[in-house]
Amino acid sequence: MKILLLWPVLILRSIAYPLWPILGLVIPFIAKRLAFEKGHGKIPKFCDFTVEVSSEGEWQQVWPLLQELLDQGKTIALYYCSPSVEMVACKNASLYQNLYTAPLPLLRFSLFPWPGSKRGPLGHNCQHMIMVRYDFFPELLIALCQVPGERVLVSASLKGKDLKAPLTRWYWRFITNSFTFILTATPSETIRFRQLSDSVLIKDGDFRHQLIQERVAQAESFLAEKGFLEAFQSVRNANYDWVGVLGSIWPIDLTLFQNESLLQDIVLGRGFLWIFPHQLAEEDIHTLKVAIEEHWQVPVTEMSDADDWAKICEQDFHGVILVTARGVLCEAYSFGDWAYVGGGFGRSVHSLLEPFWSDCFILCGPKVHRSTEYDYIYDRHPERLKVLAELAPIDNNVWSRPQGPELIRQGEEEGIRQLKGKLC
């Protein structure tokens, strides 16, 4: 009955569809979104699975499961909401003939056959449906309720949700009961979801542990293939007092490292920093380089391929290196003593599991309220993580790692085994 409340929303969006191309003429964001949603993916009328991911982080949460399903010959229709995942989705679609990918139509969605409009997941049928973390748009929830088989939510989290408020609790109870199987991000999230439903099977498990541990184990061979292994090995073998990796950095994060002693270590060759920007558009990289030069007053150079490293070596360079190559940050953490992960002084901290499984001591900002990865690390190895409460220059000894138990590889969790048993 509750699902009927969603149809008027879809009808209104369908009626409003012709307005978007007009608004796109004067609002660049709308024009950009419409161009993205035009896409090139074509979804068949029936697939074994429909899957929706928001961005690259959610892709990583579910990709190990999708690989197993694809290897078994299952057909998968995968929708992605963010342009950040388009490249990796299209690349894997070229490797698997049974994987079909397309942008999720939000502005282009319509129940009516307007020119250029799309129905998204409502335009085809499937046996099972998998969603990752969030993106509970009305058309996805309606498509979910039409699925005859398993309806799965992966990496589920209620962090930051006030379940005491009646309306919020009603909404999340509705969302929870829309699924048949929920795989939560942590055990504490399992407890919270079970307060909302007695009928849904709710277990905890995270596919990213498996994915990241495999990437860390293969870091050297991967970097060698990309042409970067010599660079990272040379720095590791150079007897620096410390090597830091700043991952997913925003300009605001630079204030933390405006420490005279730290910067002097870099210039004098006692310490080394690899810097990985979060935003890789040309103008964003330029802005970050200018900010480093102005605020830190140390030399900065860019490394986007193996040839850049050869040029850096020729110059006897003593400064910071801005790594703008895509897809190597996870592997690079293995070559650092400590890591700082950006985003914690913005909306939310970025991935903490990558430096964690790379055996780095981790620094981050205070916005961890949405991060189940923070919960995982804090519950098991709090000594490996330090949250910086203020946006102020840090001390040199802040990354000194206290003694703690040895890091033990995370095996496949029971919840993941049970989910695979239902789907594979």
Protein backbone atom coordinates (compact mmCIF):
# COMPACT_ATOMS: atom_id res chain seq x y z
CA MET A 1 0.00 0.00 0.00
CA LYS A 2 2.79 2.44 0.91
CA ILE A 3 4.39 1.97 -2.50
CA LEU A 4 1.30 3.57 -4.12
CA LEU A 5 2.38 6.88 -2.55
CA LEU A 6 5.42 6.92 -4.85
CA TRP A 7 3.52 6.83 -8.15
CA PRO A 8 2.27 10.47 -7.99
CA VAL A 9 5.90 11.58 -7.63
CA LEU A 10 6.84 9.72 -10.81
CA ILE A 11 3.83 11.10 -12.68
CA LEU A 12 4.77 14.68 -11.72
CA ARG A 13 8.38 14.09 -12.78
CA SER A 14 7.17 12.67 -16.09
CA ILE A 15 4.97 15.71 -16.75
CA ALA A 16 7.87 18.04 -15.89
CA TYR A 17 10.37 16.25 -18.16
CA PRO A 18 10.13 18.70 -21.14
CA LEU A 19 11.26 21.53 -18.83
CA TRP A 20 14.72 20.05 -18.21
CA PRO A 21 16.17 20.62 -21.71
CA ILE A 22 14.93 24.22 -21.56
CA LEU A 23 16.48 24.79 -18.14
CA GLY A 24 19.66 23.15 -19.43
CA LEU A 25 20.10 26.07 -21.81
CA VAL A 26 20.72 28.42 -18.88
CA ILE A 27 21.84 26.12 -16.04
CA PRO A 28 25.16 24.32 -16.84
CA PHE A 29 24.68 21.62 -14.17
CA ILE A 30 21.39 20.49 -15.71
CA ALA A 31 22.88 20.47 -19.21
CA LYS A 32 25.82 18.39 -17.94
CA ARG A 33 23.53 15.92 -16.14
CA LEU A 34 21.30 15.52 -19.20
CA ALA A 35 24.36 14.82 -21.37
CA PHE A 36 25.62 12.25 -18.86
CA GLU A 37 22.25 10.48 -18.66
CA LYS A 38 22.02 10.28 -22.45
CA GLY A 39 24.75 7.66 -22.09
CA HIS A 40 25.57 4.81 -24.43
CA GLY A 41 24.41 1.80 -22.40
CA LYS A 42 21.59 -0.39 -23.64
CA ILE A 43 19.76 -2.68 -21.22
CA PRO A 44 17.96 -5.82 -22.50
CA LYS A 45 14.32 -6.45 -21.63
CA PHE A 46 15.23 -9.16 -19.10
CA CYS A 47 18.28 -9.75 -16.91
CA ASP A 48 18.92 -12.09 -14.01
CA PHE A 49 19.94 -9.13 -11.82
CA THR A 50 19.36 -5.40 -11.72
CA VAL A 51 22.03 -3.55 -9.72
CA GLU A 52 22.22 0.13 -8.80
CA VAL A 53 25.33 1.90 -7.47
CA SER A 54 25.74 5.57 -6.71
CA SER A 55 29.44 6.18 -7.26
CA GLU A 56 32.81 4.41 -7.33
CA GLY A 57 32.81 3.69 -3.59
CA GLU A 58 29.53 1.79 -3.87
CA TRP A 59 30.83 -0.02 -6.95
CA GLN A 60 33.72 -1.36 -4.89
CA GLN A 61 31.30 -2.47 -2.18
CA VAL A 62 29.51 -4.86 -4.53
CA TRP A 63 31.95 -5.66 -7.35
CA PRO A 64 33.40 -8.89 -5.82
CA LEU A 65 29.86 -10.32 -5.67
CA LEU A 66 29.06 -9.17 -9.23
CA GLN A 67 32.25 -10.78 -10.54
CA GLU A 68 31.22 -14.11 -9.05
CA LEU A 69 27.74 -13.84 -10.59
CA LEU A 70 29.13 -12.83 -13.99
CA ASP A 71 31.59 -15.73 -13.96
CA GLN A 72 28.60 -18.05 -13.43
CA GLY A 73 26.99 -16.65 -16.58
CA LYS A 74 24.33 -14.51 -14.87
CA THR A 75 23.19 -11.45 -16.82
CA ILE A 76 23.39 -8.15 -14.93
CA ALA A 77 21.89 -4.75 -15.71
CA LEU A 78 23.94 -2.20 -13.77
CA TYR A 79 22.83 1.41 -13.33
CA TYR A 80 25.21 4.04 -11.95
CA CYS A 81 24.21 7.45 -10.63
CA SER A 82 27.54 9.28 -10.70
CA PRO A 83 29.94 9.99 -13.60
CA SER A 84 32.80 8.90 -11.29
CA VAL A 85 31.95 5.23 -11.90
CA GLU A 86 31.23 5.46 -15.63
CA MET A 87 34.78 4.65 -16.77
CA VAL A 88 35.18 1.54 -14.61
CA ALA A 89 31.63 0.36 -15.42
CA CYS A 90 32.15 0.65 -19.18
CA LYS A 91 35.57 -0.99 -18.95
CA ASN A 92 34.15 -4.04 -17.18
CA ALA A 93 31.17 -4.17 -19.56
CA SER A 94 33.69 -4.60 -22.37
CA LEU A 95 35.21 -7.57 -20.51
CA TYR A 96 31.92 -9.31 -19.70
CA GLN A 97 29.37 -9.86 -22.45
CA ASN A 98 26.71 -10.53 -19.80
CA LEU A 99 27.19 -7.15 -18.05
CA TYR A 100 25.06 -4.25 -19.32
CA THR A 101 25.63 -0.76 -17.93
CA ALA A 102 23.81 2.57 -18.22
CA PRO A 103 23.56 5.87 -16.31
CA LEU A 104 20.58 6.05 -13.96
CA PRO A 105 18.10 8.50 -15.52
CA LEU A 106 17.03 11.07 -12.93
CA LEU A 107 16.32 14.12 -15.08
CA ARG A 108 15.60 11.99 -18.18
CA PHE A 109 13.23 9.67 -16.33
CA SER A 110 9.63 9.64 -17.60
CA LEU A 111 6.73 7.22 -17.63
CA PHE A 112 5.59 8.93 -20.84
CA PRO A 113 7.43 8.45 -24.17
CA TRP A 114 8.90 11.95 -24.44
CA PRO A 115 11.78 12.22 -26.98
CA GLY A 116 15.04 11.36 -25.19
CA SER A 117 13.33 10.13 -22.03
CA LYS A 118 14.07 6.81 -20.30
CA ARG A 119 12.33 4.53 -17.80
CA GLY A 120 15.50 3.16 -16.17
CA PRO A 121 14.93 0.02 -14.08
CA LEU A 122 11.17 0.25 -14.73
CA GLY A 123 11.85 -0.38 -18.41
CA HIS A 124 12.90 -4.03 -18.04
CA ASN A 125 12.36 -7.11 -15.86
CA CYS A 126 14.73 -9.06 -13.64
CA GLN A 127 14.69 -11.99 -11.23
CA HIS A 128 16.70 -10.35 -8.42
CA MET A 129 17.66 -6.76 -7.54
CA ILE A 130 20.65 -5.42 -5.60
CA MET A 131 21.04 -1.89 -4.26
CA VAL A 132 24.09 -0.49 -2.49
CA ARG A 133 23.92 1.72 0.59
CA TYR A 134 21.44 4.43 -0.54
CA ASP A 135 19.82 6.12 -3.61
CA PHE A 136 16.27 5.19 -2.58
CA PHE A 137 14.65 7.02 -5.49
CA PRO A 138 10.92 6.29 -6.04
CA GLU A 139 11.46 4.48 -9.35
CA LEU A 140 14.05 2.19 -7.73
CA LEU A 141 11.77 1.35 -4.82
CA ILE A 142 8.89 0.59 -7.17
CA ALA A 143 11.15 -1.58 -9.35
CA LEU A 144 12.32 -3.32 -6.19
CA CYS A 145 8.78 -4.26 -5.16
CA GLN A 146 8.13 -5.80 -8.59
CA VAL A 147 11.05 -8.24 -8.30
CA PRO A 148 9.93 -11.85 -7.74
CA GLY A 149 13.23 -13.07 -6.27
CA GLU A 150 15.73 -11.69 -3.76
CA ARG A 151 15.77 -7.95 -3.02
CA VAL A 152 19.18 -7.16 -1.52
CA LEU A 153 20.67 -4.08 0.13
CA VAL A 154 24.48 -4.18 0.44
CA SER A 155 26.64 -2.03 2.75
CA ALA A 156 23.56 -0.79 4.59
CA SER A 157 23.99 1.85 7.25
CA LEU A 158 21.79 3.95 9.52
CA LYS A 159 24.66 6.11 10.80
CA GLY A 160 23.50 9.62 11.57
CA LYS A 161 19.80 8.69 11.31
CA ASP A 162 17.54 9.68 14.22
CA LEU A 163 15.29 6.64 14.57
CA LYS A 164 13.50 8.18 17.56
CA ALA A 165 11.70 10.70 15.37
CA PRO A 166 8.38 9.06 14.30
CA LEU A 167 8.51 10.12 10.64
CA THR A 168 12.16 9.10 10.24
CA ARG A 169 11.51 5.76 11.91
CA TRP A 170 8.45 5.15 9.68
CA TYR A 171 10.51 5.95 6.56
CA TRP A 172 13.41 3.64 7.47
CA ARG A 173 11.03 0.86 8.52
CA PHE A 174 9.47 1.13 5.06
CA ILE A 175 12.91 1.04 3.38
CA THR A 176 14.06 -1.91 5.50
CA ASN A 177 10.98 -3.99 4.76
CA SER A 178 11.35 -3.36 1.03
CA PHE A 179 14.22 -5.87 1.03
CA THR A 180 14.47 -9.60 1.70
CA PHE A 181 18.19 -9.57 2.65
CA ILE A 182 20.21 -6.70 4.12
CA LEU A 183 23.99 -6.92 4.42
CA THR A 184 25.08 -4.20 6.84
CA ALA A 185 28.47 -2.54 7.02
CA THR A 186 29.19 -3.39 10.70
CA PRO A 187 27.69 -5.48 13.55
CA SER A 188 26.37 -2.33 15.25
CA GLU A 189 24.44 -1.48 12.07
CA THR A 190 22.93 -4.97 12.08
CA ILE A 191 21.53 -4.32 15.56
CA ARG A 192 19.98 -1.02 14.44
CA PHE A 193 18.34 -2.49 11.34
CA ARG A 194 16.93 -5.41 13.32
CA GLN A 195 15.03 -2.89 15.45
CA LEU A 196 13.06 -2.00 12.31
CA SER A 197 12.12 -5.47 11.05
CA ASP A 198 11.56 -9.01 12.30
CA SER A 199 10.97 -10.52 8.86
CA VAL A 200 14.01 -9.37 6.85
CA LEU A 201 17.22 -11.42 7.01
CA ILE A 202 19.86 -8.96 8.28
CA LYS A 203 23.55 -9.87 8.52
CA ASP A 204 26.82 -7.92 8.58
CA GLY A 205 29.65 -8.22 6.06
CA ASP A 206 31.73 -5.96 3.82
CA PHE A 207 33.01 -7.00 0.39
CA ARG A 208 35.56 -4.18 0.41
CA HIS A 209 37.78 -6.01 2.92
CA GLN A 210 38.32 -8.78 0.41
CA LEU A 211 38.77 -6.39 -2.52
CA ILE A 212 41.25 -4.09 -0.75
CA GLN A 213 43.28 -6.94 0.75
CA GLU A 214 43.68 -8.44 -2.71
CA ARG A 215 44.78 -5.08 -4.14
CA VAL A 216 47.30 -4.59 -1.32
CA ALA A 217 48.72 -8.08 -1.86
CA GLN A 218 49.15 -7.33 -5.58
CA ALA A 219 50.30 -3.72 -5.15
CA GLU A 220 53.82 -4.18 -6.52
CA SER A 221 52.76 -6.12 -9.61
CA PHE A 222 49.95 -3.62 -10.29
CA LEU A 223 52.25 -0.60 -9.98
CA ALA A 224 54.85 -2.32 -12.16
CA GLU A 225 52.20 -2.82 -14.85
CA LYS A 226 51.27 0.87 -14.62
CA GLY A 227 54.93 1.94 -14.71
CA PHE A 228 55.00 3.45 -11.20
CA LEU A 229 56.73 0.74 -9.15
CA GLU A 230 60.22 2.22 -9.53
CA ALA A 231 59.01 5.58 -8.18
CA PHE A 232 57.42 4.18 -5.02
CA GLN A 233 60.20 1.66 -4.38
CA SER A 234 62.89 4.33 -4.81
CA VAL A 235 61.27 6.49 -2.14
CA ARG A 236 60.75 3.54 0.21
CA ASN A 237 64.41 2.49 -0.13
CA ALA A 238 65.84 6.02 0.26
CA ASN A 239 66.10 5.91 4.07
CA TYR A 240 63.77 8.81 4.77
CA ASP A 241 62.86 9.31 8.42
CA TRP A 242 59.23 9.13 7.34
CA VAL A 243 57.11 8.77 4.22
CA GLY A 244 53.55 10.10 4.25
CA VAL A 245 50.71 9.58 1.79
CA LEU A 246 48.02 12.26 1.63
CA GLY A 247 45.04 10.60 -0.03
CA SER A 248 41.92 12.20 -1.54
CA ILE A 249 43.18 15.67 -0.65
CA TRP A 250 41.18 18.90 -0.88
CA PRO A 251 42.80 22.37 -0.71
CA ILE A 252 41.35 22.89 2.80
CA ASP A 253 43.49 19.99 4.09
CA LEU A 254 46.76 21.82 3.35
CA THR A 255 46.47 23.88 6.55
CA LEU A 256 47.13 20.74 8.61
CA PHE A 257 50.62 20.33 7.15
CA GLN A 258 51.68 23.97 7.30
CA ASN A 259 54.21 22.96 9.93
CA GLU A 260 57.67 24.52 9.65
CA SER A 261 59.50 21.46 10.99
CA LEU A 262 57.58 19.05 8.74
CA LEU A 263 58.13 21.16 5.61
CA GLN A 264 61.82 21.59 6.48
CA ASP A 265 62.13 17.80 6.66
CA ILE A 266 60.83 17.63 3.09
CA VAL A 267 63.13 20.32 1.71
CA LEU A 268 66.18 18.83 3.47
CA GLY A 269 65.38 15.30 2.31
CA ARG A 270 64.52 13.88 5.73
CA GLY A 271 60.86 13.24 4.96
CA PHE A 272 58.73 12.64 1.87
CA LEU A 273 55.10 13.31 0.93
CA TRP A 274 53.04 11.73 -1.83
CA ILE A 275 49.92 13.83 -2.45
CA PHE A 276 46.85 12.43 -4.22
CA PRO A 277 44.17 15.05 -5.04
CA HIS A 278 40.53 14.04 -4.72
CA GLN A 279 39.53 16.08 -7.76
CA LEU A 280 41.54 15.43 -10.92
CA ALA A 281 40.14 18.01 -13.31
CA GLU A 282 42.91 20.17 -14.77
CA GLU A 283 41.68 23.35 -13.08
CA ASP A 284 41.42 21.61 -9.69
CA ILE A 285 44.98 20.26 -9.93
CA HIS A 286 46.25 23.73 -10.86
CA THR A 287 44.45 25.26 -7.87
CA LEU A 288 45.98 22.70 -5.51
CA LYS A 289 49.51 23.21 -6.89
CA VAL A 290 49.26 26.97 -6.50
CA ALA A 291 47.94 26.59 -2.94
CA ILE A 292 50.84 24.27 -1.99
CA GLU A 293 53.43 26.66 -3.38
CA GLU A 294 51.86 29.69 -1.69
CA HIS A 295 51.10 28.22 1.74
CA TRP A 296 53.86 25.65 2.15
CA GLN A 297 56.54 27.45 0.12
CA VAL A 298 58.06 24.16 -1.00
CA PRO A 299 58.62 22.97 -4.58
CA VAL A 300 55.79 20.88 -6.04
CA THR A 301 55.76 18.80 -9.19
CA GLU A 302 53.20 16.57 -10.86
CA MET A 303 53.49 12.86 -11.65
CA SER A 304 50.89 11.52 -14.05
CA ASP A 305 52.94 8.75 -15.71
CA ALA A 306 56.26 6.89 -15.50
CA ASP A 307 58.05 9.43 -17.70
CA ASP A 308 57.39 12.15 -15.11
CA TRP A 309 59.29 10.15 -12.48
CA ALA A 310 62.35 9.91 -14.74
CA LYS A 311 62.33 13.71 -15.13
CA ILE A 312 61.99 14.18 -11.37
CA CYS A 313 65.02 11.96 -10.76
CA GLU A 314 67.10 13.98 -13.22
CA GLN A 315 66.36 17.19 -11.29
CA ASP A 316 67.43 15.85 -7.85
CA PHE A 317 64.04 17.13 -6.70
CA HIS A 318 63.34 17.94 -3.02
CA GLY A 319 59.71 18.85 -2.61
CA VAL A 320 56.28 17.25 -2.73
CA ILE A 321 54.91 15.16 -5.58
CA LEU A 322 51.33 15.53 -6.72
CA VAL A 323 50.23 12.17 -8.13
CA THR A 324 47.49 12.74 -10.72
CA ALA A 325 47.38 9.21 -12.19
CA ARG A 326 44.02 7.55 -11.63
CA GLY A 327 43.51 4.29 -9.76
CA VAL A 328 46.82 3.89 -7.91
CA LEU A 329 46.10 5.45 -4.49
CA CYS A 330 45.12 2.17 -2.81
CA GLU A 331 48.38 0.54 -3.89
CA ALA A 332 50.44 3.63 -2.99
CA TYR A 333 49.38 3.45 0.67
CA SER A 334 51.52 0.31 0.98
CA PHE A 335 54.60 2.49 0.48
CA GLY A 336 53.86 4.95 3.29
CA ASP A 337 54.54 4.94 7.03
CA TRP A 338 51.45 7.02 7.72
CA ALA A 339 48.52 8.36 5.75
CA TYR A 340 46.14 11.27 5.93
CA VAL A 341 42.72 10.73 4.34
CA GLY A 342 40.86 13.82 3.15
CA GLY A 343 37.19 14.68 3.32
CA GLY A 344 37.00 14.84 7.12
CA PHE A 345 36.93 18.64 7.08
CA GLY A 346 34.30 18.64 4.35
CA ARG A 347 31.19 16.51 3.96
CA SER A 348 32.61 13.17 5.12
CA VAL A 349 35.94 11.37 5.32
CA HIS A 350 36.90 9.26 2.30
CA SER A 351 38.04 5.61 2.35
CA LEU A 352 39.88 4.62 5.53
CA LEU A 353 40.03 0.90 4.82
CA GLU A 354 42.62 1.30 2.05
CA PRO A 355 45.36 2.75 4.30
CA PHE A 356 44.22 0.51 7.16
CA TRP A 357 44.79 -2.73 5.23
CA SER A 358 48.04 -1.24 3.88
CA ASP A 359 49.29 -1.15 7.50
CA CYS A 360 49.53 2.66 7.69
CA PHE A 361 48.91 4.78 10.76
CA ILE A 362 45.92 6.92 9.74
CA LEU A 363 45.05 10.57 10.31
CA CYS A 364 41.73 12.11 9.30
CA GLY A 365 39.41 15.03 10.02
CA PRO A 366 36.41 14.99 12.40
CA LYS A 367 33.60 14.29 9.91
CA VAL A 368 33.43 10.53 10.47
CA HIS A 369 29.72 10.37 11.37
CA ARG A 370 28.83 8.73 8.03
CA SER A 371 31.83 6.39 7.84
CA THR A 372 31.21 2.77 8.79
CA GLU A 373 34.86 2.17 7.86
CA TYR A 374 35.81 4.39 10.80
CA ASP A 375 33.59 2.26 13.05
CA TYR A 376 35.23 -0.94 11.81
CA ILE A 377 38.77 0.35 12.52
CA TYR A 378 37.89 2.01 15.83
CA ASP A 379 36.19 -1.14 17.15
CA ARG A 380 39.19 -3.36 16.33
CA HIS A 381 42.36 -1.24 16.17
CA PRO A 382 41.74 2.25 17.63
CA GLU A 383 45.51 2.68 18.11
CA ARG A 384 45.96 2.81 14.32
CA LEU A 385 43.74 5.86 13.82
CA LYS A 386 43.82 9.46 15.02
CA VAL A 387 41.02 11.95 14.37
CA LEU A 388 42.20 15.55 14.11
CA ALA A 389 39.56 17.72 15.76
CA GLU A 390 40.78 21.11 14.52
CA LEU A 391 41.94 22.45 11.19
CA ALA A 392 45.32 23.58 12.52
CA PRO A 393 48.97 22.62 11.81
CA ILE A 394 49.80 19.21 13.25
CA ASP A 395 52.86 18.28 15.31
CA ASN A 396 55.61 16.15 13.78
CA ASN A 397 55.05 13.32 16.23
CA VAL A 398 51.30 13.07 15.62
CA TRP A 399 51.78 10.08 13.33
CA SER A 400 53.93 8.12 15.79
CA ARG A 401 52.24 4.73 15.97
CA PRO A 402 51.49 3.37 19.46
CA GLN A 403 52.01 -0.29 20.16
CA GLY A 404 49.00 -2.49 19.45
CA PRO A 405 47.93 -5.96 18.35
CA GLU A 406 49.05 -7.29 14.99
CA LEU A 407 46.80 -6.62 12.03
CA ILE A 408 44.97 -9.85 11.12
CA ARG A 409 43.59 -10.37 7.64
CA GLN A 410 39.78 -10.27 7.50
CA GLY A 411 38.35 -13.54 6.20
CA GLU A 412 35.04 -13.93 4.41
CA GLU A 413 32.28 -13.04 6.85
CA GLU A 414 29.25 -15.22 7.58
CA GLY A 415 26.85 -12.65 6.14
CA ILE A 416 28.67 -12.66 2.82
CA ARG A 417 28.64 -16.47 2.71
CA GLN A 418 24.89 -16.51 3.35
CA LEU A 419 24.23 -13.89 0.66
CA LYS A 420 26.28 -15.82 -1.87
CA GLY A 421 24.38 -18.96 -0.95
CA LYS A 422 21.13 -17.23 -1.92
CA LEU A 423 22.34 -15.60 -5.15
CA CYS A 424 25.20 -17.69 -6.58
